[in-house]
Amino acid sequence: MHELAVAQALVEQVDAVIDQHQASRATLIRVCIGPLAGVVPDLLATAFPLAAASSRMEHAELEFTHAPIRVHCQTCGAETEAAMNRLLCGACGDWHTRILSGNELLLESVELETAPALPLET
């Protein structure tokens, strides 16, 4: 299950975001996964708690968004949606296409909790 390695990399990336913004922890992590990314969202959701155990995102909610498969036709120039195993141009039906989206695996956003400010001494 390579989703565990993906989850571990996600934990490292979110940890860097937490440090960058001097936050105390992450509460929501949103990941965009395209159908061609080679990652099964349900398996990533299962692996994430294992990778995040005892981290600053241990209790964070993991949310997924999905990118459609879109292709650019090199013959007619159209940009259309395509099916998983049928990367054909939706306008002319040609197979000379280039993938525009659908292979993403992106950390889309992270909601952070900051530590409460300490009162100023007078």
N, C-alpha and C. Protein backbone atom coordinates (compact mmCIF):
# COMPACT_ATOMS: atom_id res chain seq x y z
N MET A 1 0.85 -1.17 0.00
CA MET A 1 0.00 0.00 0.00
C MET A 1 0.90 1.24 0.00
N HIS A 2 1.09 1.84 -1.17
CA HIS A 2 1.95 3.01 -1.25
C HIS A 2 1.26 4.26 -0.68
N GLU A 3 -0.02 4.16 -0.37
CA GLU A 3 -0.73 5.30 0.22
C GLU A 3 -0.13 5.68 1.58
N LEU A 4 0.48 4.72 2.29
CA LEU A 4 1.13 5.04 3.55
C LEU A 4 2.32 5.97 3.31
N ALA A 5 3.09 5.70 2.27
CA ALA A 5 4.22 6.58 1.92
C ALA A 5 3.71 7.96 1.51
N VAL A 6 2.60 8.01 0.80
CA VAL A 6 2.00 9.28 0.41
C VAL A 6 1.53 10.02 1.66
N ALA A 7 0.92 9.31 2.60
CA ALA A 7 0.45 9.92 3.85
C ALA A 7 1.63 10.46 4.65
N GLN A 8 2.73 9.73 4.69
CA GLN A 8 3.91 10.20 5.42
C GLN A 8 4.48 11.47 4.78
N ALA A 9 4.50 11.51 3.46
CA ALA A 9 4.97 12.71 2.76
C ALA A 9 4.02 13.88 3.02
N LEU A 10 2.73 13.60 3.08
CA LEU A 10 1.74 14.63 3.38
C LEU A 10 1.95 15.20 4.78
N VAL A 11 2.22 14.34 5.74
CA VAL A 11 2.49 14.77 7.11
C VAL A 11 3.71 15.69 7.14
N GLU A 12 4.76 15.33 6.42
CA GLU A 12 5.96 16.17 6.38
C GLU A 12 5.65 17.53 5.76
N GLN A 13 4.87 17.54 4.69
CA GLN A 13 4.54 18.80 4.02
C GLN A 13 3.68 19.69 4.92
N VAL A 14 2.69 19.11 5.58
CA VAL A 14 1.82 19.88 6.47
C VAL A 14 2.61 20.36 7.69
N ASP A 15 3.52 19.55 8.17
CA ASP A 15 4.36 19.96 9.30
C ASP A 15 5.17 21.20 8.93
N ALA A 16 5.67 21.26 7.71
CA ALA A 16 6.42 22.42 7.25
C ALA A 16 5.51 23.66 7.17
N VAL A 17 4.27 23.47 6.76
CA VAL A 17 3.31 24.58 6.71
C VAL A 17 3.02 25.09 8.12
N ILE A 18 2.86 24.17 9.06
CA ILE A 18 2.62 24.55 10.45
C ILE A 18 3.79 25.39 10.97
N ASP A 19 5.02 24.94 10.70
CA ASP A 19 6.20 25.69 11.13
C ASP A 19 6.26 27.06 10.46
N GLN A 20 6.01 27.09 9.17
CA GLN A 20 6.09 28.33 8.39
C GLN A 20 5.16 29.41 8.94
N HIS A 21 3.99 28.99 9.40
CA HIS A 21 3.00 29.95 9.90
C HIS A 21 2.98 30.05 11.42
N GLN A 22 3.94 29.41 12.07
CA GLN A 22 4.08 29.42 13.52
C GLN A 22 2.77 29.07 14.21
N ALA A 23 2.11 28.05 13.70
CA ALA A 23 0.85 27.59 14.27
C ALA A 23 1.12 26.47 15.27
N SER A 24 0.08 26.13 16.02
CA SER A 24 0.24 25.05 17.00
C SER A 24 -0.13 23.69 16.41
N ARG A 25 -1.12 23.70 15.49
CA ARG A 25 -1.52 22.43 14.88
C ARG A 25 -2.38 22.68 13.66
N ALA A 26 -2.59 21.62 12.88
CA ALA A 26 -3.49 21.66 11.72
C ALA A 26 -4.82 21.05 12.13
N THR A 27 -5.92 21.67 11.69
CA THR A 27 -7.25 21.15 12.02
C THR A 27 -7.96 20.56 10.81
N LEU A 28 -7.62 21.03 9.61
CA LEU A 28 -8.23 20.52 8.38
C LEU A 28 -7.18 20.52 7.29
N ILE A 29 -7.08 19.40 6.59
CA ILE A 29 -6.13 19.26 5.49
C ILE A 29 -6.93 18.86 4.26
N ARG A 30 -6.82 19.67 3.21
CA ARG A 30 -7.58 19.41 1.99
C ARG A 30 -6.59 19.02 0.89
N VAL A 31 -6.84 17.86 0.27
CA VAL A 31 -5.98 17.31 -0.76
C VAL A 31 -6.80 17.12 -2.04
N CYS A 32 -6.24 17.55 -3.16
CA CYS A 32 -6.88 17.34 -4.46
C CYS A 32 -6.25 16.12 -5.12
N ILE A 33 -7.09 15.16 -5.48
CA ILE A 33 -6.60 13.93 -6.10
C ILE A 33 -7.33 13.71 -7.42
N GLY A 34 -6.58 13.60 -8.48
CA GLY A 34 -7.15 13.29 -9.79
C GLY A 34 -7.24 11.79 -9.98
N PRO A 35 -8.15 11.32 -10.83
CA PRO A 35 -8.30 9.89 -11.03
C PRO A 35 -7.08 9.21 -11.65
N LEU A 36 -6.20 9.97 -12.27
CA LEU A 36 -5.00 9.40 -12.87
C LEU A 36 -3.77 9.48 -11.96
N ALA A 37 -3.95 9.95 -10.73
CA ALA A 37 -2.83 10.13 -9.80
C ALA A 37 -2.27 8.82 -9.27
N GLY A 38 -3.04 7.77 -9.33
CA GLY A 38 -2.57 6.49 -8.83
C GLY A 38 -2.70 6.35 -7.33
N VAL A 39 -3.54 7.18 -6.71
CA VAL A 39 -3.76 7.14 -5.27
C VAL A 39 -5.24 6.94 -5.03
N VAL A 40 -5.57 5.98 -4.19
CA VAL A 40 -6.96 5.70 -3.85
C VAL A 40 -7.31 6.52 -2.60
N PRO A 41 -8.24 7.48 -2.73
CA PRO A 41 -8.56 8.33 -1.58
C PRO A 41 -8.94 7.57 -0.32
N ASP A 42 -9.73 6.51 -0.43
CA ASP A 42 -10.12 5.75 0.76
C ASP A 42 -8.91 5.12 1.45
N LEU A 43 -7.95 4.64 0.68
CA LEU A 43 -6.75 4.05 1.28
C LEU A 43 -5.87 5.12 1.90
N LEU A 44 -5.80 6.30 1.27
CA LEU A 44 -5.04 7.40 1.86
C LEU A 44 -5.69 7.85 3.17
N ALA A 45 -7.02 7.89 3.20
CA ALA A 45 -7.74 8.26 4.42
C ALA A 45 -7.48 7.25 5.53
N THR A 46 -7.31 6.00 5.18
CA THR A 46 -7.01 4.95 6.17
C THR A 46 -5.57 5.06 6.66
N ALA A 47 -4.65 5.39 5.76
CA ALA A 47 -3.23 5.45 6.10
C ALA A 47 -2.86 6.73 6.85
N PHE A 48 -3.62 7.80 6.63
CA PHE A 48 -3.26 9.09 7.21
C PHE A 48 -3.17 9.06 8.74
N PRO A 49 -4.15 8.50 9.47
CA PRO A 49 -4.03 8.48 10.94
C PRO A 49 -2.78 7.76 11.44
N LEU A 50 -2.34 6.74 10.72
CA LEU A 50 -1.11 6.05 11.10
C LEU A 50 0.10 6.96 10.94
N ALA A 51 0.14 7.67 9.81
CA ALA A 51 1.27 8.56 9.55
C ALA A 51 1.25 9.79 10.45
N ALA A 52 0.06 10.24 10.83
CA ALA A 52 -0.09 11.47 11.62
C ALA A 52 -0.07 11.24 13.12
N ALA A 53 0.00 10.00 13.56
CA ALA A 53 -0.04 9.70 14.99
C ALA A 53 1.06 10.47 15.73
N SER A 54 0.70 11.08 16.85
CA SER A 54 1.61 11.84 17.71
C SER A 54 2.22 13.06 17.02
N SER A 55 1.53 13.57 16.00
CA SER A 55 2.02 14.77 15.31
C SER A 55 1.08 15.93 15.58
N ARG A 56 1.41 17.09 15.04
CA ARG A 56 0.58 18.27 15.23
C ARG A 56 -0.65 18.27 14.33
N MET A 57 -0.86 17.19 13.61
CA MET A 57 -2.07 17.05 12.81
C MET A 57 -2.80 15.75 13.12
N GLU A 58 -2.49 15.20 14.27
CA GLU A 58 -3.05 13.91 14.69
C GLU A 58 -4.58 13.90 14.65
N HIS A 59 -5.20 15.01 15.01
CA HIS A 59 -6.67 15.06 15.05
C HIS A 59 -7.27 15.86 13.90
N ALA A 60 -6.47 16.16 12.90
CA ALA A 60 -6.95 16.95 11.77
C ALA A 60 -7.89 16.12 10.91
N GLU A 61 -8.86 16.81 10.34
CA GLU A 61 -9.77 16.18 9.38
C GLU A 61 -9.09 16.20 8.02
N LEU A 62 -9.15 15.09 7.32
CA LEU A 62 -8.59 14.98 5.97
C LEU A 62 -9.75 15.01 4.98
N GLU A 63 -9.72 15.97 4.08
CA GLU A 63 -10.80 16.16 3.12
C GLU A 63 -10.22 16.09 1.71
N PHE A 64 -11.00 15.50 0.80
CA PHE A 64 -10.53 15.35 -0.57
C PHE A 64 -11.40 16.14 -1.54
N THR A 65 -10.75 16.74 -2.52
CA THR A 65 -11.45 17.28 -3.68
C THR A 65 -10.95 16.47 -4.87
N HIS A 66 -11.74 16.47 -5.92
CA HIS A 66 -11.40 15.63 -7.07
C HIS A 66 -11.30 16.48 -8.33
N ALA A 67 -10.23 16.29 -9.07
CA ALA A 67 -10.03 17.02 -10.31
C ALA A 67 -10.52 16.16 -11.48
N PRO A 68 -11.25 16.75 -12.41
CA PRO A 68 -11.70 15.98 -13.58
C PRO A 68 -10.53 15.74 -14.54
N ILE A 69 -10.67 14.74 -15.36
CA ILE A 69 -9.68 14.50 -16.41
C ILE A 69 -10.01 15.43 -17.56
N ARG A 70 -9.06 16.30 -17.89
CA ARG A 70 -9.22 17.23 -19.03
C ARG A 70 -8.02 17.04 -19.95
N VAL A 71 -8.30 17.07 -21.25
CA VAL A 71 -7.24 16.91 -22.24
C VAL A 71 -7.27 18.06 -23.25
N HIS A 72 -6.11 18.31 -23.83
CA HIS A 72 -5.98 19.28 -24.92
C HIS A 72 -5.69 18.47 -26.19
N CYS A 73 -6.50 18.68 -27.21
CA CYS A 73 -6.33 17.95 -28.46
C CYS A 73 -5.27 18.65 -29.31
N GLN A 74 -4.27 17.89 -29.74
CA GLN A 74 -3.20 18.44 -30.57
C GLN A 74 -3.63 18.56 -32.03
N THR A 75 -4.76 17.97 -32.37
CA THR A 75 -5.25 18.03 -33.74
C THR A 75 -6.17 19.23 -33.95
N CYS A 76 -7.20 19.36 -33.11
CA CYS A 76 -8.18 20.45 -33.30
C CYS A 76 -8.03 21.58 -32.30
N GLY A 77 -7.22 21.39 -31.24
CA GLY A 77 -6.98 22.44 -30.27
C GLY A 77 -8.02 22.55 -29.16
N ALA A 78 -9.02 21.69 -29.17
CA ALA A 78 -10.08 21.76 -28.15
C ALA A 78 -9.56 21.25 -26.80
N GLU A 79 -10.14 21.80 -25.73
CA GLU A 79 -9.90 21.31 -24.38
C GLU A 79 -11.21 20.72 -23.88
N THR A 80 -11.20 19.42 -23.61
CA THR A 80 -12.43 18.73 -23.23
C THR A 80 -12.16 17.76 -22.08
N GLU A 81 -13.24 17.31 -21.45
CA GLU A 81 -13.11 16.27 -20.43
C GLU A 81 -12.97 14.93 -21.13
N ALA A 82 -12.32 14.01 -20.45
CA ALA A 82 -12.10 12.68 -21.01
C ALA A 82 -12.37 11.64 -19.93
N ALA A 83 -12.49 10.41 -20.35
CA ALA A 83 -12.73 9.30 -19.43
C ALA A 83 -11.40 8.66 -19.03
N MET A 84 -11.43 7.97 -17.92
CA MET A 84 -10.24 7.35 -17.33
C MET A 84 -9.42 6.54 -18.35
N ASN A 85 -10.03 5.65 -19.05
CA ASN A 85 -9.32 4.78 -19.99
C ASN A 85 -9.58 5.17 -21.44
N ARG A 86 -9.97 6.41 -21.65
CA ARG A 86 -10.30 6.87 -22.99
C ARG A 86 -9.96 8.35 -23.10
N LEU A 87 -8.67 8.62 -23.25
CA LEU A 87 -8.18 9.99 -23.25
C LEU A 87 -8.30 10.61 -24.65
N LEU A 88 -9.50 10.52 -25.20
CA LEU A 88 -9.77 11.03 -26.54
C LEU A 88 -10.32 12.44 -26.47
N CYS A 89 -10.15 13.19 -27.55
CA CYS A 89 -10.72 14.52 -27.66
C CYS A 89 -12.24 14.41 -27.71
N GLY A 90 -12.92 15.17 -26.87
CA GLY A 90 -14.38 15.16 -26.86
C GLY A 90 -14.99 15.88 -28.04
N ALA A 91 -14.19 16.69 -28.74
CA ALA A 91 -14.71 17.45 -29.88
C ALA A 91 -14.57 16.68 -31.19
N CYS A 92 -13.36 16.16 -31.46
CA CYS A 92 -13.14 15.50 -32.76
C CYS A 92 -12.89 14.00 -32.65
N GLY A 93 -12.68 13.50 -31.43
CA GLY A 93 -12.48 12.07 -31.23
C GLY A 93 -11.06 11.59 -31.45
N ASP A 94 -10.12 12.49 -31.73
CA ASP A 94 -8.74 12.10 -32.00
C ASP A 94 -8.05 11.66 -30.71
N TRP A 95 -7.04 10.83 -30.86
CA TRP A 95 -6.32 10.33 -29.70
C TRP A 95 -5.03 11.10 -29.43
N HIS A 96 -4.69 12.07 -30.25
CA HIS A 96 -3.49 12.89 -30.03
C HIS A 96 -3.81 13.98 -29.01
N THR A 97 -3.83 13.61 -27.75
CA THR A 97 -4.19 14.54 -26.68
C THR A 97 -3.08 14.64 -25.65
N ARG A 98 -3.11 15.73 -24.91
CA ARG A 98 -2.19 15.96 -23.81
C ARG A 98 -3.04 16.18 -22.56
N ILE A 99 -2.68 15.53 -21.47
CA ILE A 99 -3.44 15.65 -20.22
C ILE A 99 -3.22 17.03 -19.62
N LEU A 100 -4.30 17.73 -19.32
CA LEU A 100 -4.24 19.03 -18.66
C LEU A 100 -4.50 18.91 -17.16
N SER A 101 -5.41 18.02 -16.78
CA SER A 101 -5.70 17.79 -15.37
C SER A 101 -6.24 16.38 -15.20
N GLY A 102 -6.21 15.93 -13.97
CA GLY A 102 -6.68 14.58 -13.66
C GLY A 102 -5.58 13.72 -13.07
N ASN A 103 -4.33 14.19 -13.18
CA ASN A 103 -3.22 13.43 -12.60
C ASN A 103 -2.64 14.12 -11.36
N GLU A 104 -3.41 15.06 -10.79
CA GLU A 104 -2.94 15.82 -9.63
C GLU A 104 -2.94 15.01 -8.34
N LEU A 105 -2.02 15.34 -7.51
CA LEU A 105 -2.00 14.93 -6.11
C LEU A 105 -1.41 16.13 -5.38
N LEU A 106 -2.29 17.05 -4.96
CA LEU A 106 -1.86 18.34 -4.45
C LEU A 106 -2.39 18.62 -3.05
N LEU A 107 -1.53 19.17 -2.22
CA LEU A 107 -1.98 19.71 -0.95
C LEU A 107 -2.65 21.03 -1.29
N GLU A 108 -3.97 21.06 -1.21
CA GLU A 108 -4.74 22.21 -1.66
C GLU A 108 -4.80 23.31 -0.60
N SER A 109 -5.06 22.94 0.65
CA SER A 109 -5.10 23.93 1.72
C SER A 109 -4.98 23.25 3.08
N VAL A 110 -4.59 24.06 4.06
CA VAL A 110 -4.46 23.59 5.43
C VAL A 110 -5.05 24.65 6.34
N GLU A 111 -5.96 24.24 7.20
CA GLU A 111 -6.48 25.16 8.22
C GLU A 111 -5.67 24.93 9.49
N LEU A 112 -5.19 26.03 10.03
CA LEU A 112 -4.29 25.96 11.18
C LEU A 112 -4.92 26.56 12.41
N GLU A 113 -4.46 26.10 13.55
CA GLU A 113 -4.83 26.69 14.84
C GLU A 113 -3.57 27.31 15.42
N THR A 114 -3.68 28.54 15.79
CA THR A 114 -2.52 29.20 16.37
C THR A 114 -2.62 29.16 17.88
N ALA A 115 -1.48 29.25 18.50
CA ALA A 115 -1.44 29.27 19.97
C ALA A 115 -2.01 30.60 20.44
N PRO A 116 -2.76 30.61 21.53
CA PRO A 116 -3.29 31.87 22.03
C PRO A 116 -2.15 32.81 22.42
N ALA A 117 -2.34 34.09 22.16
CA ALA A 117 -1.32 35.09 22.50
C ALA A 117 -1.20 35.20 24.01
N LEU A 118 0.01 35.32 24.46
CA LEU A 118 0.26 35.48 25.89
C LEU A 118 -0.06 36.92 26.28
N PRO A 119 -0.66 37.13 27.46
CA PRO A 119 -0.96 38.49 27.88
C PRO A 119 0.35 39.26 28.14
N LEU A 120 0.32 40.51 27.81
CA LEU A 120 1.48 41.36 28.03
C LEU A 120 1.60 41.71 29.51
N GLU A 121 2.80 41.68 30.02
CA GLU A 121 3.02 42.04 31.41
C GLU A 121 3.11 43.56 31.51
N THR A 122 2.53 44.10 32.55
CA THR A 122 2.60 45.56 32.75
C THR A 122 3.38 45.92 33.96
